[in-house]
Amino acid sequence: NPALDAPYDDIDLQHAIAQEHWYVCGYKMSMRHPVTEETHKLFFDAEPDTTMFRVVVKANLTMPMANNLVESVAKAFEFLEAHGKGYSSHPHHAYKDGHKAC
């Protein structure tokens, strides 16, 4: 949520969740035109800088596994809040233009 003005972004959140061995990928609700390089909305009701996160699960997902996912997301937010901008500046997690986690 850009209104929160968090010191981390969607890529940082993906990395933090991955530390708990979950693969949760974020997708921007926009696309870049291949010729004009302009950014366009994908949906009329979503701003282009909005991110949607997708979790793909198998049919054998159990309630303990689902609980672990929820706990892992909560831990990721706690970790990012505790590290603030320091997380992005750490060389191992440094954000680079065009970097994609997924």
N, C-alpha and C. Protein backbone atom coordinates (compact mmCIF):
# COMPACT_ATOMS: atom_id res chain seq x y z
N ASN A 1 0.84 -1.17 0.00
CA ASN A 1 0.00 0.00 0.00
C ASN A 1 0.89 1.24 0.00
N PRO A 2 0.99 1.94 -1.11
CA PRO A 2 1.85 3.13 -1.18
C PRO A 2 1.51 4.19 -0.14
N ALA A 3 0.26 4.25 0.31
CA ALA A 3 -0.12 5.25 1.31
C ALA A 3 0.57 5.01 2.65
N LEU A 4 1.04 3.80 2.89
CA LEU A 4 1.74 3.51 4.15
C LEU A 4 3.14 4.09 4.19
N ASP A 5 3.69 4.41 3.01
CA ASP A 5 5.05 4.95 2.90
C ASP A 5 6.05 4.06 3.63
N ALA A 6 5.93 2.75 3.41
CA ALA A 6 6.83 1.78 4.05
C ALA A 6 8.23 1.90 3.46
N PRO A 7 9.26 1.63 4.26
CA PRO A 7 10.63 1.73 3.77
C PRO A 7 11.06 0.52 2.94
N TYR A 8 10.13 -0.34 2.59
CA TYR A 8 10.43 -1.52 1.77
C TYR A 8 9.36 -1.62 0.69
N ASP A 9 9.64 -2.42 -0.33
CA ASP A 9 8.70 -2.54 -1.44
C ASP A 9 8.26 -3.98 -1.62
N ASP A 10 7.52 -4.24 -2.69
CA ASP A 10 6.99 -5.57 -2.94
C ASP A 10 8.10 -6.61 -3.15
N ILE A 11 9.18 -6.21 -3.77
CA ILE A 11 10.30 -7.14 -3.98
C ILE A 11 10.92 -7.52 -2.64
N ASP A 12 11.09 -6.55 -1.75
CA ASP A 12 11.61 -6.83 -0.42
C ASP A 12 10.71 -7.82 0.31
N LEU A 13 9.39 -7.62 0.20
CA LEU A 13 8.45 -8.52 0.86
C LEU A 13 8.57 -9.93 0.30
N GLN A 14 8.69 -10.06 -1.00
CA GLN A 14 8.88 -11.38 -1.62
C GLN A 14 10.11 -12.07 -1.06
N HIS A 15 11.22 -11.34 -0.96
CA HIS A 15 12.46 -11.91 -0.44
C HIS A 15 12.31 -12.33 1.02
N ALA A 16 11.67 -11.50 1.81
CA ALA A 16 11.50 -11.81 3.24
C ALA A 16 10.63 -13.05 3.42
N ILE A 17 9.58 -13.18 2.64
CA ILE A 17 8.73 -14.38 2.72
C ILE A 17 9.52 -15.61 2.27
N ALA A 18 10.36 -15.45 1.27
CA ALA A 18 11.17 -16.56 0.77
C ALA A 18 12.13 -17.08 1.82
N GLN A 19 12.53 -16.24 2.78
CA GLN A 19 13.40 -16.70 3.86
C GLN A 19 12.73 -17.80 4.68
N GLU A 20 11.42 -17.84 4.63
CA GLU A 20 10.65 -18.88 5.34
C GLU A 20 10.29 -20.03 4.39
N HIS A 21 10.90 -20.04 3.21
CA HIS A 21 10.74 -21.12 2.21
C HIS A 21 9.36 -21.15 1.55
N TRP A 22 8.74 -19.99 1.43
CA TRP A 22 7.50 -19.86 0.67
C TRP A 22 7.78 -19.03 -0.56
N TYR A 23 7.23 -19.43 -1.69
CA TYR A 23 7.41 -18.73 -2.94
C TYR A 23 6.13 -17.96 -3.23
N VAL A 24 6.13 -16.68 -2.89
CA VAL A 24 4.97 -15.81 -3.09
C VAL A 24 5.44 -14.69 -4.01
N CYS A 25 4.82 -14.59 -5.15
CA CYS A 25 5.29 -13.64 -6.16
C CYS A 25 4.33 -12.46 -6.30
N GLY A 26 4.89 -11.29 -6.46
CA GLY A 26 4.09 -10.09 -6.65
C GLY A 26 4.10 -9.65 -8.11
N TYR A 27 2.96 -9.15 -8.55
CA TYR A 27 2.83 -8.68 -9.93
C TYR A 27 2.25 -7.27 -9.92
N LYS A 28 2.91 -6.38 -10.63
CA LYS A 28 2.40 -5.02 -10.77
C LYS A 28 1.13 -5.05 -11.63
N MET A 29 0.21 -4.17 -11.33
CA MET A 29 -1.04 -4.09 -12.08
C MET A 29 -0.88 -3.13 -13.25
N SER A 30 0.25 -3.27 -13.94
CA SER A 30 0.53 -2.43 -15.10
C SER A 30 1.38 -3.21 -16.09
N MET A 31 1.50 -2.65 -17.27
CA MET A 31 2.38 -3.22 -18.28
C MET A 31 3.09 -2.08 -19.00
N ARG A 32 4.27 -2.39 -19.48
CA ARG A 32 5.04 -1.40 -20.23
C ARG A 32 4.88 -1.69 -21.72
N HIS A 33 4.42 -0.68 -22.45
CA HIS A 33 4.21 -0.84 -23.89
C HIS A 33 5.56 -1.11 -24.54
N PRO A 34 5.67 -2.16 -25.36
CA PRO A 34 6.97 -2.53 -25.94
C PRO A 34 7.55 -1.52 -26.92
N VAL A 35 6.72 -0.68 -27.49
CA VAL A 35 7.23 0.31 -28.46
C VAL A 35 7.42 1.67 -27.81
N THR A 36 6.39 2.15 -27.12
CA THR A 36 6.45 3.51 -26.56
C THR A 36 7.10 3.55 -25.18
N GLU A 37 7.23 2.40 -24.53
CA GLU A 37 7.78 2.32 -23.17
C GLU A 37 6.88 3.00 -22.13
N GLU A 38 5.65 3.34 -22.52
CA GLU A 38 4.72 3.95 -21.57
C GLU A 38 4.12 2.88 -20.67
N THR A 39 3.83 3.26 -19.44
CA THR A 39 3.19 2.34 -18.50
C THR A 39 1.68 2.49 -18.64
N HIS A 40 0.99 1.35 -18.74
CA HIS A 40 -0.46 1.33 -18.87
C HIS A 40 -1.06 0.45 -17.78
N LYS A 41 -2.22 0.86 -17.29
CA LYS A 41 -2.96 0.05 -16.32
C LYS A 41 -3.39 -1.26 -16.96
N LEU A 42 -3.41 -2.32 -16.16
CA LEU A 42 -3.97 -3.58 -16.64
C LEU A 42 -5.47 -3.65 -16.38
N PHE A 43 -5.92 -2.99 -15.31
CA PHE A 43 -7.32 -3.03 -14.91
C PHE A 43 -7.80 -1.61 -14.65
N PHE A 44 -9.04 -1.33 -14.99
CA PHE A 44 -9.56 0.02 -14.82
C PHE A 44 -9.68 0.42 -13.35
N ASP A 45 -9.81 -0.57 -12.44
CA ASP A 45 -10.02 -0.26 -11.02
C ASP A 45 -8.78 -0.46 -10.15
N ALA A 46 -7.59 -0.61 -10.76
CA ALA A 46 -6.35 -0.78 -10.00
C ALA A 46 -5.30 0.19 -10.52
N GLU A 47 -4.70 0.92 -9.62
CA GLU A 47 -3.64 1.84 -10.01
C GLU A 47 -2.44 1.05 -10.52
N PRO A 48 -1.68 1.61 -11.47
CA PRO A 48 -0.57 0.86 -12.06
C PRO A 48 0.56 0.50 -11.09
N ASP A 49 0.69 1.25 -10.00
CA ASP A 49 1.76 0.94 -9.04
C ASP A 49 1.30 -0.04 -7.95
N THR A 50 0.06 -0.54 -8.07
CA THR A 50 -0.46 -1.52 -7.14
C THR A 50 0.14 -2.89 -7.46
N THR A 51 0.39 -3.67 -6.41
CA THR A 51 0.93 -5.02 -6.60
C THR A 51 -0.05 -6.04 -6.08
N MET A 52 -0.21 -7.12 -6.83
CA MET A 52 -1.02 -8.25 -6.40
C MET A 52 -0.05 -9.39 -6.10
N PHE A 53 -0.25 -10.07 -4.99
CA PHE A 53 0.58 -11.22 -4.65
C PHE A 53 -0.20 -12.49 -4.94
N ARG A 54 0.50 -13.47 -5.47
CA ARG A 54 -0.14 -14.73 -5.85
C ARG A 54 0.51 -15.87 -5.09
N VAL A 55 -0.32 -16.73 -4.53
CA VAL A 55 0.15 -17.93 -3.85
C VAL A 55 -0.47 -19.11 -4.58
N VAL A 56 0.35 -19.98 -5.08
CA VAL A 56 -0.12 -21.19 -5.75
C VAL A 56 0.05 -22.34 -4.77
N VAL A 57 -1.03 -23.05 -4.53
CA VAL A 57 -0.96 -24.19 -3.60
C VAL A 57 -1.45 -25.45 -4.30
N LYS A 58 -1.01 -26.57 -3.78
CA LYS A 58 -1.43 -27.86 -4.32
C LYS A 58 -2.65 -28.35 -3.55
N ALA A 59 -3.27 -29.36 -4.07
CA ALA A 59 -4.47 -29.94 -3.45
C ALA A 59 -4.17 -30.54 -2.07
N ASN A 60 -2.90 -30.84 -1.81
CA ASN A 60 -2.56 -31.45 -0.53
C ASN A 60 -2.21 -30.42 0.56
N LEU A 61 -2.57 -29.16 0.36
CA LEU A 61 -2.33 -28.13 1.37
C LEU A 61 -3.13 -28.49 2.63
N THR A 62 -2.44 -28.53 3.75
CA THR A 62 -3.10 -28.84 5.02
C THR A 62 -3.28 -27.56 5.82
N MET A 63 -4.12 -27.63 6.83
CA MET A 63 -4.33 -26.46 7.69
C MET A 63 -3.04 -26.05 8.40
N PRO A 64 -2.22 -26.98 8.90
CA PRO A 64 -0.95 -26.55 9.49
C PRO A 64 -0.04 -25.83 8.48
N MET A 65 -0.05 -26.28 7.23
CA MET A 65 0.76 -25.60 6.22
C MET A 65 0.21 -24.20 5.95
N ALA A 66 -1.11 -24.07 5.86
CA ALA A 66 -1.72 -22.76 5.64
C ALA A 66 -1.42 -21.83 6.81
N ASN A 67 -1.49 -22.35 8.03
CA ASN A 67 -1.15 -21.55 9.20
C ASN A 67 0.30 -21.10 9.15
N ASN A 68 1.18 -21.99 8.67
CA ASN A 68 2.59 -21.65 8.56
C ASN A 68 2.79 -20.53 7.56
N LEU A 69 2.05 -20.56 6.46
CA LEU A 69 2.15 -19.48 5.47
C LEU A 69 1.75 -18.15 6.08
N VAL A 70 0.63 -18.14 6.79
CA VAL A 70 0.17 -16.90 7.43
C VAL A 70 1.20 -16.40 8.43
N GLU A 71 1.75 -17.31 9.23
CA GLU A 71 2.79 -16.94 10.21
C GLU A 71 4.04 -16.42 9.50
N SER A 72 4.39 -17.03 8.38
CA SER A 72 5.58 -16.61 7.63
C SER A 72 5.42 -15.21 7.06
N VAL A 73 4.23 -14.89 6.58
CA VAL A 73 3.96 -13.54 6.08
C VAL A 73 4.05 -12.53 7.23
N ALA A 74 3.48 -12.88 8.37
CA ALA A 74 3.56 -11.99 9.54
C ALA A 74 5.01 -11.78 9.96
N LYS A 75 5.82 -12.85 9.96
CA LYS A 75 7.25 -12.73 10.30
C LYS A 75 7.97 -11.84 9.31
N ALA A 76 7.60 -11.96 8.04
CA ALA A 76 8.24 -11.15 7.01
C ALA A 76 7.99 -9.66 7.26
N PHE A 77 6.75 -9.32 7.59
CA PHE A 77 6.44 -7.92 7.89
C PHE A 77 7.20 -7.46 9.14
N GLU A 78 7.24 -8.30 10.17
CA GLU A 78 7.99 -7.94 11.39
C GLU A 78 9.46 -7.70 11.07
N PHE A 79 10.04 -8.59 10.26
CA PHE A 79 11.44 -8.47 9.88
C PHE A 79 11.69 -7.16 9.12
N LEU A 80 10.84 -6.88 8.13
CA LEU A 80 11.02 -5.67 7.33
C LEU A 80 10.82 -4.41 8.16
N GLU A 81 9.83 -4.41 9.04
CA GLU A 81 9.61 -3.25 9.91
C GLU A 81 10.81 -3.03 10.83
N ALA A 82 11.38 -4.11 11.34
CA ALA A 82 12.52 -4.00 12.26
C ALA A 82 13.77 -3.48 11.56
N HIS A 83 13.93 -3.84 10.29
CA HIS A 83 15.13 -3.45 9.55
C HIS A 83 14.97 -2.15 8.76
N GLY A 84 13.74 -1.76 8.51
CA GLY A 84 13.49 -0.50 7.81
C GLY A 84 14.28 -0.38 6.53
N LYS A 85 14.81 0.80 6.28
CA LYS A 85 15.57 1.04 5.06
C LYS A 85 16.88 0.27 5.05
N GLY A 86 17.32 -0.17 6.23
CA GLY A 86 18.56 -0.94 6.30
C GLY A 86 18.49 -2.23 5.53
N TYR A 87 17.29 -2.79 5.41
CA TYR A 87 17.13 -4.04 4.66
C TYR A 87 17.49 -3.83 3.20
N SER A 88 16.99 -2.77 2.60
CA SER A 88 17.25 -2.51 1.19
C SER A 88 18.71 -2.14 0.93
N SER A 89 19.36 -1.55 1.90
CA SER A 89 20.74 -1.12 1.69
C SER A 89 21.75 -2.24 1.92
N HIS A 90 21.32 -3.35 2.52
CA HIS A 90 22.23 -4.47 2.75
C HIS A 90 22.64 -5.04 1.39
N PRO A 91 23.95 -5.29 1.16
CA PRO A 91 24.40 -5.75 -0.17
C PRO A 91 23.69 -7.02 -0.65
N HIS A 92 23.36 -7.91 0.26
CA HIS A 92 22.71 -9.17 -0.15
C HIS A 92 21.29 -8.93 -0.64
N HIS A 93 20.64 -7.87 -0.17
CA HIS A 93 19.27 -7.60 -0.53
C HIS A 93 19.10 -6.30 -1.32
N ALA A 94 20.20 -5.75 -1.78
CA ALA A 94 20.13 -4.44 -2.44
C ALA A 94 19.23 -4.50 -3.66
N TYR A 95 18.36 -3.50 -3.73
CA TYR A 95 17.43 -3.40 -4.86
C TYR A 95 18.18 -2.85 -6.06
N LYS A 96 17.99 -3.47 -7.20
CA LYS A 96 18.58 -2.99 -8.43
C LYS A 96 17.48 -2.73 -9.43
N ASP A 97 17.60 -1.69 -10.23
CA ASP A 97 16.58 -1.40 -11.25
C ASP A 97 16.36 -2.63 -12.13
N GLY A 98 15.12 -2.93 -12.35
CA GLY A 98 14.77 -4.05 -13.21
C GLY A 98 14.84 -5.40 -12.53
N HIS A 99 15.21 -5.42 -11.25
CA HIS A 99 15.32 -6.69 -10.53
C HIS A 99 13.94 -7.33 -10.40
N LYS A 100 13.86 -8.60 -10.66
CA LYS A 100 12.62 -9.34 -10.51
C LYS A 100 12.90 -10.51 -9.58
N ALA A 101 12.07 -10.68 -8.59
CA ALA A 101 12.24 -11.80 -7.68
C ALA A 101 11.65 -13.07 -8.23
N CYS A 102 10.68 -12.95 -9.11
CA CYS A 102 10.01 -14.14 -9.65
C CYS A 102 10.22 -14.23 -11.14
